[in-house]
Amino acid sequence: MGSYWWHFVRHWLVAGNAHGLHSPFVYHLYTTVLRPKTETLASPTLWSWLADLGLTQNWTNVIARLLAYWQPATIQIFGQSGQETINTYPPALDELEQKTRQMIIIIDGKGAETQAQLNKVEPGTCILIIKPYGTTANQNLWQQLVRSNSMTATVNMFWIGLAFPRSKQAKESFVLR
């Protein structure tokens, strides 16, 4: 776990905020969902399973806001106990790419089904890794996502990592507080 603290220190030394964002998509995501100036109406009680992710209340609220913003039709959770699928909203179409939105939440990055699912991710998907530096498997999976040509926007907030396969965006990786 020594590398965990190294990643933590390194993250806070290089992490930026909204002032350094030049991607309109990530800027909007950061200022309205991840770090809004005023709390939005997303309630973590709508998704009772969020409490089981092992995060602080602050990060649980961030994920609840992300779910309310993204409005995925399905959520696939990959954890230590295997894969679970939750149908949440009626299918919401992404206006730009006309794909059904989905969210993939990865708690434990080891497992063949996680890799298989990530190989067929389409635009309109939000991949969320809980504690991308918590385990070696999560670190390896996060680095694969950052290097992947299909993931054009990645957002590293240390406690959570987000990856988006957006067809209309240049490849960029962001390290944010």
C-alpha atoms as a PDB file:
ATOM      1  CA  MET A   1       0.000   0.000   0.000  1.00  0.00           C
ATOM      2  CA  GLY A   2       3.012   2.279  -0.042  1.00  0.00           C
ATOM      3  CA  SER A   3       2.266   3.188  -3.628  1.00  0.00           C
ATOM      4  CA  TYR A   4      -1.238   4.265  -2.545  1.00  0.00           C
ATOM      5  CA  TRP A   5       0.171   7.155  -0.518  1.00  0.00           C
ATOM      6  CA  TRP A   6       2.576   8.029  -3.303  1.00  0.00           C
ATOM      7  CA  HIS A   7      -0.381   8.286  -5.687  1.00  0.00           C
ATOM      8  CA  PHE A   8      -2.276  10.388  -3.131  1.00  0.00           C
ATOM      9  CA  VAL A   9       0.572  12.900  -2.707  1.00  0.00           C
ATOM     10  CA  ARG A  10       1.253  13.014  -6.444  1.00  0.00           C
ATOM     11  CA  HIS A  11      -2.432  13.578  -7.187  1.00  0.00           C
ATOM     12  CA  TRP A  12      -2.695  16.589  -4.901  1.00  0.00           C
ATOM     13  CA  LEU A  13       0.497  18.083  -6.302  1.00  0.00           C
ATOM     14  CA  VAL A  14      -0.697  17.962  -9.929  1.00  0.00           C
ATOM     15  CA  ALA A  15      -4.491  18.220  -9.567  1.00  0.00           C
ATOM     16  CA  GLY A  16      -6.215  21.264 -10.951  1.00  0.00           C
ATOM     17  CA  ASN A  17      -9.653  22.802 -10.809  1.00  0.00           C
ATOM     18  CA  ALA A  18     -12.110  24.427 -13.218  1.00  0.00           C
ATOM     19  CA  HIS A  19      -9.661  27.191 -14.172  1.00  0.00           C
ATOM     20  CA  GLY A  20      -7.434  24.817 -16.119  1.00  0.00           C
ATOM     21  CA  LEU A  21     -10.192  23.030 -18.038  1.00  0.00           C
ATOM     22  CA  HIS A  22     -10.399  23.714 -21.744  1.00  0.00           C
ATOM     23  CA  SER A  23     -12.827  20.923 -22.612  1.00  0.00           C
ATOM     24  CA  PRO A  24     -16.413  22.264 -22.588  1.00  0.00           C
ATOM     25  CA  PHE A  25     -17.774  18.805 -21.727  1.00  0.00           C
ATOM     26  CA  VAL A  26     -15.462  18.285 -18.739  1.00  0.00           C
ATOM     27  CA  TYR A  27     -15.805  21.914 -17.595  1.00  0.00           C
ATOM     28  CA  HIS A  28     -19.609  21.590 -17.527  1.00  0.00           C
ATOM     29  CA  LEU A  29     -19.393  18.212 -15.792  1.00  0.00           C
ATOM     30  CA  TYR A  30     -16.975  19.575 -13.184  1.00  0.00           C
ATOM     31  CA  THR A  31     -18.806  22.834 -12.411  1.00  0.00           C
ATOM     32  CA  THR A  32     -22.373  21.476 -12.409  1.00  0.00           C
ATOM     33  CA  VAL A  33     -21.990  17.899 -11.184  1.00  0.00           C
ATOM     34  CA  LEU A  34     -18.648  17.088  -9.562  1.00  0.00           C
ATOM     35  CA  ARG A  35     -17.980  20.385  -7.751  1.00  0.00           C
ATOM     36  CA  PRO A  36     -21.071  22.616  -8.036  1.00  0.00           C
ATOM     37  CA  LYS A  37     -21.111  25.960  -6.228  1.00  0.00           C
ATOM     38  CA  THR A  38     -24.532  25.124  -4.766  1.00  0.00           C
ATOM     39  CA  GLU A  39     -25.820  21.688  -3.864  1.00  0.00           C
ATOM     40  CA  THR A  40     -28.162  20.238  -6.455  1.00  0.00           C
ATOM     41  CA  LEU A  41     -31.282  18.250  -5.677  1.00  0.00           C
ATOM     42  CA  ALA A  42     -29.781  14.806  -6.294  1.00  0.00           C
ATOM     43  CA  SER A  43     -30.322  12.683  -3.236  1.00  0.00           C
ATOM     44  CA  PRO A  44     -28.264   9.595  -2.474  1.00  0.00           C
ATOM     45  CA  THR A  45     -31.377   8.076  -0.862  1.00  0.00           C
ATOM     46  CA  LEU A  46     -32.731   7.439  -4.363  1.00  0.00           C
ATOM     47  CA  TRP A  47     -29.927   4.939  -4.786  1.00  0.00           C
ATOM     48  CA  SER A  48     -29.646   3.129  -1.462  1.00  0.00           C
ATOM     49  CA  TRP A  49     -26.872   0.890  -2.810  1.00  0.00           C
ATOM     50  CA  LEU A  50     -24.497   3.894  -2.918  1.00  0.00           C
ATOM     51  CA  ALA A  51     -23.896   3.489   0.818  1.00  0.00           C
ATOM     52  CA  ASP A  52     -22.348   0.074   0.099  1.00  0.00           C
ATOM     53  CA  LEU A  53     -19.553   1.546  -2.043  1.00  0.00           C
ATOM     54  CA  GLY A  54     -17.368   2.363   0.974  1.00  0.00           C
ATOM     55  CA  LEU A  55     -17.008   6.076   0.234  1.00  0.00           C
ATOM     56  CA  THR A  56     -17.528   9.113   2.428  1.00  0.00           C
ATOM     57  CA  GLN A  57     -20.855  10.938   2.349  1.00  0.00           C
ATOM     58  CA  ASN A  58     -19.282  13.674   0.232  1.00  0.00           C
ATOM     59  CA  TRP A  59     -18.260  11.225  -2.518  1.00  0.00           C
ATOM     60  CA  THR A  60     -21.587   9.394  -2.246  1.00  0.00           C
ATOM     61  CA  ASN A  61     -23.273  12.744  -2.941  1.00  0.00           C
ATOM     62  CA  VAL A  62     -20.983  13.309  -5.936  1.00  0.00           C
ATOM     63  CA  ILE A  63     -21.982   9.943  -7.408  1.00  0.00           C
ATOM     64  CA  ALA A  64     -25.672  10.669  -6.730  1.00  0.00           C
ATOM     65  CA  ARG A  65     -25.329  13.970  -8.617  1.00  0.00           C
ATOM     66  CA  LEU A  66     -23.536  12.154 -11.445  1.00  0.00           C
ATOM     67  CA  LEU A  67     -26.356   9.595 -11.669  1.00  0.00           C
ATOM     68  CA  ALA A  68     -28.985  12.359 -11.694  1.00  0.00           C
ATOM     69  CA  TYR A  69     -27.070  14.230 -14.389  1.00  0.00           C
ATOM     70  CA  TRP A  70     -26.161  11.257 -16.594  1.00  0.00           C
ATOM     71  CA  GLN A  71     -29.557   9.500 -16.218  1.00  0.00           C
ATOM     72  CA  PRO A  72     -28.365   6.074 -17.327  1.00  0.00           C
ATOM     73  CA  ALA A  73     -30.935   3.582 -18.551  1.00  0.00           C
ATOM     74  CA  THR A  74     -28.872   0.788 -16.983  1.00  0.00           C
ATOM     75  CA  ILE A  75     -26.137   0.634 -14.397  1.00  0.00           C
ATOM     76  CA  GLN A  76     -23.745  -2.292 -14.378  1.00  0.00           C
ATOM     77  CA  ILE A  77     -21.820  -2.769 -11.164  1.00  0.00           C
ATOM     78  CA  PHE A  78     -18.717  -4.957 -11.107  1.00  0.00           C
ATOM     79  CA  GLY A  79     -17.687  -5.829  -7.564  1.00  0.00           C
ATOM     80  CA  GLN A  80     -16.147  -8.606  -5.569  1.00  0.00           C
ATOM     81  CA  SER A  81     -19.407 -10.548  -5.673  1.00  0.00           C
ATOM     82  CA  GLY A  82     -19.632 -10.403  -9.475  1.00  0.00           C
ATOM     83  CA  GLN A  83     -21.754  -8.348 -11.863  1.00  0.00           C
ATOM     84  CA  GLU A  84     -25.081  -6.741 -11.039  1.00  0.00           C
ATOM     85  CA  THR A  85     -27.312  -4.812 -13.455  1.00  0.00           C
ATOM     86  CA  ILE A  86     -29.753  -2.147 -12.296  1.00  0.00           C
ATOM     87  CA  ASN A  87     -32.385  -0.692 -14.626  1.00  0.00           C
ATOM     88  CA  THR A  88     -32.902   2.866 -13.516  1.00  0.00           C
ATOM     89  CA  TYR A  89     -34.563   5.227 -15.946  1.00  0.00           C
ATOM     90  CA  PRO A  90     -36.407   4.745 -19.192  1.00  0.00           C
ATOM     91  CA  PRO A  91     -33.794   4.754 -21.956  1.00  0.00           C
ATOM     92  CA  ALA A  92     -32.463   8.298 -22.275  1.00  0.00           C
ATOM     93  CA  LEU A  93     -31.034   9.137 -25.668  1.00  0.00           C
ATOM     94  CA  ASP A  94     -27.856  11.132 -25.896  1.00  0.00           C
ATOM     95  CA  GLU A  95     -28.866  14.035 -28.139  1.00  0.00           C
ATOM     96  CA  LEU A  96     -25.493  14.205 -29.892  1.00  0.00           C
ATOM     97  CA  GLU A  97     -24.724  10.546 -30.443  1.00  0.00           C
ATOM     98  CA  GLN A  98     -28.210   8.969 -30.282  1.00  0.00           C
ATOM     99  CA  LYS A  99     -27.072   6.116 -28.065  1.00  0.00           C
ATOM    100  CA  THR A 100     -28.740   4.748 -24.950  1.00  0.00           C
ATOM    101  CA  ARG A 101     -26.891   6.005 -21.920  1.00  0.00           C
ATOM    102  CA  GLN A 102     -25.446   3.522 -19.524  1.00  0.00           C
ATOM    103  CA  MET A 103     -23.110   3.656 -16.569  1.00  0.00           C
ATOM    104  CA  ILE A 104     -20.557   1.078 -15.594  1.00  0.00           C
ATOM    105  CA  ILE A 105     -19.424   1.205 -11.977  1.00  0.00           C
ATOM    106  CA  ILE A 106     -16.325  -0.760 -11.113  1.00  0.00           C
ATOM    107  CA  ILE A 107     -15.589  -1.491  -7.493  1.00  0.00           C
ATOM    108  CA  ASP A 108     -13.109  -4.289  -8.020  1.00  0.00           C
ATOM    109  CA  GLY A 109     -11.128  -4.127 -11.272  1.00  0.00           C
ATOM    110  CA  LYS A 110     -10.148  -7.770 -11.392  1.00  0.00           C
ATOM    111  CA  GLY A 111     -12.296 -10.174 -13.284  1.00  0.00           C
ATOM    112  CA  ALA A 112     -12.723 -11.278 -16.874  1.00  0.00           C
ATOM    113  CA  GLU A 113     -16.300  -9.984 -17.117  1.00  0.00           C
ATOM    114  CA  THR A 114     -15.124  -6.445 -16.331  1.00  0.00           C
ATOM    115  CA  GLN A 115     -12.562  -6.528 -19.138  1.00  0.00           C
ATOM    116  CA  ALA A 116     -15.045  -8.095 -21.559  1.00  0.00           C
ATOM    117  CA  GLN A 117     -17.618  -5.378 -20.852  1.00  0.00           C
ATOM    118  CA  LEU A 118     -15.097  -2.582 -21.296  1.00  0.00           C
ATOM    119  CA  ASN A 119     -14.065  -3.949 -24.705  1.00  0.00           C
ATOM    120  CA  LYS A 120     -17.560  -3.278 -26.087  1.00  0.00           C
ATOM    121  CA  VAL A 121     -18.273   0.126 -24.544  1.00  0.00           C
ATOM    122  CA  GLU A 122     -20.025   2.554 -26.874  1.00  0.00           C
ATOM    123  CA  PRO A 123     -20.394   6.343 -26.831  1.00  0.00           C
ATOM    124  CA  GLY A 124     -22.997   7.392 -24.300  1.00  0.00           C
ATOM    125  CA  THR A 125     -21.359   5.374 -21.546  1.00  0.00           C
ATOM    126  CA  CYS A 126     -19.894   6.699 -18.325  1.00  0.00           C
ATOM    127  CA  ILE A 127     -17.355   4.426 -16.662  1.00  0.00           C
ATOM    128  CA  LEU A 128     -16.866   5.100 -12.958  1.00  0.00           C
ATOM    129  CA  ILE A 129     -14.091   3.401 -11.018  1.00  0.00           C
ATOM    130  CA  ILE A 130     -14.393   3.549  -7.258  1.00  0.00           C
ATOM    131  CA  LYS A 131     -10.977   4.111  -5.654  1.00  0.00           C
ATOM    132  CA  PRO A 132      -8.867   3.709  -8.810  1.00  0.00           C
ATOM    133  CA  TYR A 133      -5.721   3.577  -6.644  1.00  0.00           C
ATOM    134  CA  GLY A 134      -7.190   1.361  -3.901  1.00  0.00           C
ATOM    135  CA  THR A 135      -5.957  -1.957  -5.299  1.00  0.00           C
ATOM    136  CA  THR A 136      -3.403  -3.066  -7.850  1.00  0.00           C
ATOM    137  CA  ALA A 137      -6.207  -4.401 -10.080  1.00  0.00           C
ATOM    138  CA  ASN A 138      -7.980  -1.030 -10.018  1.00  0.00           C
ATOM    139  CA  GLN A 139      -4.698   0.810 -10.706  1.00  0.00           C
ATOM    140  CA  ASN A 140      -4.004  -1.401 -13.716  1.00  0.00           C
ATOM    141  CA  LEU A 141      -7.548  -1.043 -15.032  1.00  0.00           C
ATOM    142  CA  TRP A 142      -7.474   2.747 -14.588  1.00  0.00           C
ATOM    143  CA  GLN A 143      -4.169   3.020 -16.460  1.00  0.00           C
ATOM    144  CA  GLN A 144      -5.589   0.867 -19.277  1.00  0.00           C
ATOM    145  CA  LEU A 145      -8.586   3.200 -19.553  1.00  0.00           C
ATOM    146  CA  VAL A 146      -6.390   6.313 -19.590  1.00  0.00           C
ATOM    147  CA  ARG A 147      -4.181   4.840 -22.343  1.00  0.00           C
ATOM    148  CA  SER A 148      -7.079   3.400 -24.363  1.00  0.00           C
ATOM    149  CA  ASN A 149      -7.720   5.130 -27.679  1.00  0.00           C
ATOM    150  CA  SER A 150     -11.468   4.628 -27.259  1.00  0.00           C
ATOM    151  CA  MET A 151     -11.593   6.606 -23.992  1.00  0.00           C
ATOM    152  CA  THR A 152     -11.318  10.196 -25.169  1.00  0.00           C
ATOM    153  CA  ALA A 153     -12.009  11.916 -21.824  1.00  0.00           C
ATOM    154  CA  THR A 154     -10.783  10.660 -18.460  1.00  0.00           C
ATOM    155  CA  VAL A 155     -11.229  12.497 -15.161  1.00  0.00           C
ATOM    156  CA  ASN A 156      -9.081  11.442 -12.206  1.00  0.00           C
ATOM    157  CA  MET A 157     -10.345  12.742  -8.854  1.00  0.00           C
ATOM    158  CA  PHE A 158      -8.295  10.181  -6.860  1.00  0.00           C
ATOM    159  CA  TRP A 159     -11.277   8.721  -4.958  1.00  0.00           C
ATOM    160  CA  ILE A 160     -13.182   8.172  -8.195  1.00  0.00           C
ATOM    161  CA  GLY A 161     -12.141   7.948 -11.816  1.00  0.00           C
ATOM    162  CA  LEU A 162     -14.396   8.683 -14.781  1.00  0.00           C
ATOM    163  CA  ALA A 163     -13.853   7.595 -18.374  1.00  0.00           C
ATOM    164  CA  PHE A 164     -15.937   8.557 -21.380  1.00  0.00           C
ATOM    165  CA  PRO A 165     -15.746   7.177 -24.935  1.00  0.00           C
ATOM    166  CA  ARG A 166     -16.812  10.363 -26.735  1.00  0.00           C
ATOM    167  CA  SER A 167     -16.555  10.317 -30.502  1.00  0.00           C
ATOM    168  CA  LYS A 168     -16.579  14.107 -30.909  1.00  0.00           C
ATOM    169  CA  GLN A 169     -13.769  14.980 -28.533  1.00  0.00           C
ATOM    170  CA  ALA A 170     -10.002  14.928 -28.755  1.00  0.00           C
ATOM    171  CA  LYS A 171      -8.304  12.565 -26.310  1.00  0.00           C
ATOM    172  CA  GLU A 172      -7.602  14.317 -22.998  1.00  0.00           C
ATOM    173  CA  SER A 173      -6.909  13.225 -19.423  1.00  0.00           C
ATOM    174  CA  PHE A 174      -7.705  15.479 -16.487  1.00  0.00           C
ATOM    175  CA  VAL A 175      -6.476  15.286 -12.889  1.00  0.00           C
ATOM    176  CA  LEU A 176      -8.854  17.289 -10.711  1.00  0.00           C
ATOM    177  CA  ARG A 177      -9.488  18.030  -7.049  1.00  0.00           C
END
